[in-house]
Amino acid sequence: MTDKTASEPPRLTFIQRTRRAQLIECAIAVLAEDGYAQASLSRIAKRAEVTRGVISYHFADRDELLDAVVSEVYGIATEQLRPKIDAQPTTLMAVRMFITGSAEFYRNFPTHMAALHEIASHARGEDGMLRHAEQSRANDQELSAVGVLLERGKQNGEFREFSTSVMARTIRSALDGLLVQMRADPDYDAIRDAEELADIFEYALSS
C-alpha cells in the first residue's frame, strides 16, 4: 500500500512510456517464470523482442529495471487497495480490508507477486548490502501506511495501546506467510486464511 514512486523519469514521450512499460512487464514475466538469477537483460530483451541496447536506453542497468518492477507492483497494489481501504467506515474495517484485500491482490496478480517475491528473496548480496533500494523503500512506506491506520485506531479509541511498529511488522509478516504458502501450493485458499488472520488481528487490536 504505497504511492507509485519516481522510478519513471519525468516528461517522457508517449512512446518512451509505452516502451518502458513493455520492458517492465517482460521483466515481471521473466522473473516469475525463470527466477531472479536467470532474469538477465538479454533474456528480458529476448522476451520483449528488442535488442539489449533498447533496455540500456531506458534503464541504466539491471538493478534500475528491477527497481522499476518493484515500483510497478507496489503501484498496482496501491491502486487496487487504497480506494477499498479509504471507503471503510471504521479503522478496524480498514485494517481488515488491508489484510483481506492484500490476499485478494496476491490471488489476482500471481505473476506480479512471483516477480516481487523473487526480487525480495534476493534483496541482499553476500556482503549483506541491499541490492535493490526500491524494495526497502517500498516496504518502509507500506509499514508506515499501516502504522498510520493503527495510530488512528488508537487515537479514536477503537484500538488498545500497543507498539505500532511491532504490530505493523506482525501484520506484514503474516501476509508474507500467506504469499509464501501461495507460491508453494497453487491450490492454497489465501482468501480463507486472510479472513482468519483478520479475525485474529481484530482480537489483538481491540480495546
Protein backbone atom coordinates (compact mmCIF):
# COMPACT_ATOMS: atom_id res chain seq x y z
CA MET A 1 0.00 0.00 0.00
CA THR A 2 2.37 2.68 -1.23
CA ASP A 3 2.39 5.55 -3.64
CA LYS A 4 3.77 4.88 -7.08
CA THR A 5 7.38 6.01 -6.95
CA ALA A 6 9.55 8.19 -9.13
CA SER A 7 11.23 5.25 -10.87
CA GLU A 8 9.79 6.52 -14.14
CA PRO A 9 11.64 9.69 -15.22
CA PRO A 10 9.51 12.82 -15.77
CA ARG A 11 8.45 14.23 -19.15
CA LEU A 12 8.76 11.01 -21.14
CA THR A 13 7.12 10.85 -24.51
CA PHE A 14 4.18 8.51 -25.02
CA ILE A 15 6.41 6.13 -27.00
CA GLN A 16 9.05 6.12 -24.25
CA ARG A 17 6.46 5.44 -21.55
CA THR A 18 4.97 2.65 -23.63
CA ARG A 19 8.35 1.04 -24.22
CA ARG A 20 9.32 1.29 -20.55
CA ALA A 21 6.01 -0.28 -19.55
CA GLN A 22 6.60 -3.12 -22.03
CA LEU A 23 10.09 -3.79 -20.67
CA ILE A 24 8.83 -3.79 -17.08
CA GLU A 25 6.07 -6.27 -17.96
CA CYS A 26 8.57 -8.51 -19.73
CA ALA A 27 10.90 -8.34 -16.72
CA ILE A 28 7.99 -9.36 -14.48
CA ALA A 29 7.23 -12.34 -16.71
CA VAL A 30 10.86 -13.50 -16.86
CA LEU A 31 11.32 -13.13 -13.10
CA ALA A 32 8.16 -15.14 -12.43
CA GLU A 33 8.97 -17.88 -14.92
CA ASP A 34 12.76 -18.18 -14.70
CA GLY A 35 13.70 -16.69 -11.34
CA TYR A 36 15.94 -13.87 -10.21
CA ALA A 37 19.27 -15.40 -11.24
CA GLN A 38 18.11 -16.10 -14.77
CA ALA A 39 16.42 -12.74 -15.31
CA SER A 40 19.25 -11.23 -17.32
CA LEU A 41 18.87 -8.18 -19.51
CA SER A 42 19.49 -10.38 -22.53
CA ARG A 43 16.67 -12.74 -21.59
CA ILE A 44 14.31 -9.85 -20.86
CA ALA A 45 15.23 -8.25 -24.19
CA LYS A 46 14.51 -11.52 -25.98
CA ARG A 47 11.12 -11.70 -24.28
CA ALA A 48 10.37 -8.14 -25.41
CA GLU A 49 11.69 -8.89 -28.91
CA VAL A 50 14.13 -5.99 -28.75
CA THR A 51 17.89 -5.69 -28.53
CA ARG A 52 19.64 -5.38 -25.17
CA GLY A 53 20.61 -1.87 -26.24
CA VAL A 54 16.95 -0.85 -26.16
CA ILE A 55 16.79 -1.77 -22.48
CA SER A 56 20.02 0.12 -21.81
CA TYR A 57 18.49 3.20 -23.42
CA HIS A 58 15.60 3.19 -20.95
CA PHE A 59 17.31 1.78 -17.84
CA ALA A 60 20.86 2.39 -16.64
CA ASP A 61 21.32 -1.24 -15.61
CA ARG A 62 19.52 -4.38 -14.42
CA ASP A 63 19.10 -3.04 -10.90
CA GLU A 64 17.27 0.03 -12.17
CA LEU A 65 14.93 -2.13 -14.23
CA LEU A 66 14.21 -4.38 -11.25
CA ASP A 67 13.62 -1.32 -9.08
CA ALA A 68 11.05 -0.27 -11.68
CA VAL A 69 9.42 -3.70 -11.34
CA VAL A 70 9.13 -3.22 -7.58
CA SER A 71 7.64 0.23 -8.10
CA GLU A 72 5.16 -1.11 -10.65
CA VAL A 73 3.90 -3.96 -8.46
CA TYR A 74 3.51 -1.77 -5.38
CA GLY A 75 1.88 0.91 -7.50
CA ILE A 76 -0.74 -1.50 -8.85
CA ALA A 77 -1.38 -2.82 -5.35
CA THR A 78 -1.95 0.72 -4.11
CA GLU A 79 -4.37 1.46 -6.95
CA GLN A 80 -6.27 -1.71 -6.14
CA LEU A 81 -6.30 -1.42 -2.35
CA ARG A 82 -6.38 2.22 -1.33
CA PRO A 83 -9.92 3.06 -2.56
CA LYS A 84 -11.29 -0.01 -0.76
CA ILE A 85 -9.44 0.84 2.45
CA ASP A 86 -10.45 4.50 2.33
CA ALA A 87 -14.10 3.52 1.84
CA GLN A 88 -14.30 1.61 5.13
CA PRO A 89 -16.43 3.29 7.83
CA THR A 90 -14.15 2.31 10.74
CA THR A 91 -10.42 1.94 11.24
CA LEU A 92 -10.84 -1.69 12.25
CA MET A 93 -12.63 -2.44 8.99
CA ALA A 94 -9.88 -0.59 7.13
CA VAL A 95 -7.25 -2.85 8.70
CA ARG A 96 -9.36 -5.89 7.85
CA MET A 97 -9.60 -4.68 4.27
CA PHE A 98 -5.83 -4.23 4.10
CA ILE A 99 -5.37 -7.85 5.16
CA THR A 100 -8.07 -9.47 3.03
CA GLY A 101 -7.53 -7.09 0.12
CA SER A 102 -3.83 -7.90 0.08
CA ALA A 103 -4.61 -11.61 -0.18
CA GLU A 104 -7.07 -10.90 -2.98
CA PHE A 105 -4.38 -8.92 -4.80
CA TYR A 106 -1.93 -11.83 -4.41
CA ARG A 107 -4.53 -14.15 -5.95
CA ASN A 108 -5.41 -11.82 -8.82
CA PHE A 109 -1.83 -10.88 -9.73
CA PRO A 110 0.16 -14.10 -9.25
CA THR A 111 2.79 -13.27 -11.88
CA HIS A 112 3.47 -9.84 -10.39
CA MET A 113 3.73 -11.27 -6.89
CA ALA A 114 6.01 -14.07 -8.05
CA ALA A 115 8.32 -11.48 -9.60
CA LEU A 116 8.28 -9.36 -6.44
CA HIS A 117 8.96 -12.45 -4.33
CA GLU A 118 11.99 -13.29 -6.47
CA ILE A 119 13.40 -9.78 -6.00
CA ALA A 120 12.66 -9.73 -2.27
CA SER A 121 14.27 -13.15 -1.82
CA HIS A 122 17.49 -11.80 -3.29
CA ALA A 123 17.32 -8.38 -1.69
CA ARG A 124 20.76 -8.67 -0.11
CA GLY A 125 24.08 -9.77 -1.51
CA GLU A 126 26.72 -11.86 0.25
CA ASP A 127 28.07 -8.67 1.82
CA GLY A 128 24.70 -8.02 3.43
CA MET A 129 24.11 -4.87 1.42
CA LEU A 130 20.74 -4.24 -0.21
CA ARG A 131 20.77 -4.88 -3.93
CA HIS A 132 17.51 -3.06 -4.55
CA ALA A 133 16.92 0.07 -2.52
CA GLU A 134 13.43 0.41 -4.02
CA GLN A 135 12.36 -2.80 -2.28
CA SER A 136 13.43 -1.40 1.08
CA ARG A 137 11.82 1.96 0.40
CA ALA A 138 8.52 0.38 -0.68
CA ASN A 139 8.46 -1.90 2.37
CA ASP A 140 9.13 1.02 4.69
CA GLN A 141 6.39 3.07 3.05
CA GLU A 142 3.89 0.25 3.36
CA LEU A 143 4.73 -0.28 7.03
CA SER A 144 4.34 3.46 7.56
CA ALA A 145 0.90 3.43 5.92
CA VAL A 146 -0.23 0.52 8.10
CA GLY A 147 1.19 2.37 11.10
CA VAL A 148 -0.95 5.40 10.27
CA LEU A 149 -4.07 3.20 10.37
CA LEU A 150 -3.03 1.66 13.67
CA GLU A 151 -2.32 5.04 15.24
CA ARG A 152 -5.68 6.35 14.05
CA GLY A 153 -7.42 3.41 15.68
CA LYS A 154 -5.64 4.05 18.96
CA GLN A 155 -6.41 7.76 18.89
CA ASN A 156 -10.13 7.29 18.22
CA GLY A 157 -10.48 4.61 20.89
CA GLU A 158 -11.08 1.63 18.59
CA PHE A 159 -7.76 0.01 19.47
CA ARG A 160 -5.96 -0.66 22.72
CA GLU A 161 -2.44 0.58 23.42
CA PHE A 162 0.35 -1.42 21.76
CA SER A 163 3.62 -0.91 19.90
CA THR A 164 2.59 0.38 16.48
CA SER A 165 5.84 -0.70 14.82
CA VAL A 166 5.66 -4.22 16.25
CA MET A 167 2.00 -4.63 15.26
CA ALA A 168 2.59 -3.29 11.73
CA ARG A 169 5.52 -5.66 11.21
CA THR A 170 3.49 -8.56 12.58
CA ILE A 171 0.64 -7.89 10.15
CA ARG A 172 3.14 -7.61 7.31
CA SER A 173 4.87 -10.86 8.32
CA ALA A 174 1.54 -12.69 8.49
CA LEU A 175 0.71 -11.57 4.96
CA ASP A 176 4.17 -12.63 3.80
CA GLY A 177 3.36 -16.08 5.17
CA LEU A 178 0.24 -16.22 3.00
CA LEU A 179 2.30 -15.32 -0.03
CA VAL A 180 4.91 -17.99 0.68
CA GLN A 181 2.18 -20.60 1.03
CA MET A 182 0.57 -19.47 -2.23
CA ARG A 183 3.91 -19.85 -4.01
CA ALA A 184 4.29 -23.37 -2.63
CA ASP A 185 0.73 -24.54 -3.30
CA PRO A 186 -1.24 -23.26 -6.33
CA ASP A 187 -4.47 -24.61 -4.79
CA TYR A 188 -3.99 -22.79 -1.49
CA ASP A 189 -7.01 -20.68 -0.45
CA ALA A 190 -5.34 -17.46 0.71
CA ILE A 191 -8.62 -15.59 0.97
CA ARG A 192 -9.96 -18.00 3.58
CA ASP A 193 -6.83 -17.74 5.68
CA ALA A 194 -6.73 -13.96 5.25
CA GLU A 195 -10.19 -13.78 6.80
CA GLU A 196 -8.90 -15.86 9.72
CA LEU A 197 -5.91 -13.55 10.07
CA ALA A 198 -8.24 -10.55 10.06
CA ASP A 199 -10.20 -12.13 12.91
CA ILE A 200 -7.00 -12.77 14.86
CA PHE A 201 -5.81 -9.20 14.46
CA GLU A 202 -9.26 -7.86 15.36
CA TYR A 203 -8.88 -9.55 18.75
CA ALA A 204 -5.29 -8.33 19.04
CA LEU A 205 -6.17 -4.72 18.26
CA SER A 206 -9.45 -4.27 20.08
CA SER A 207 -9.60 -2.13 23.20
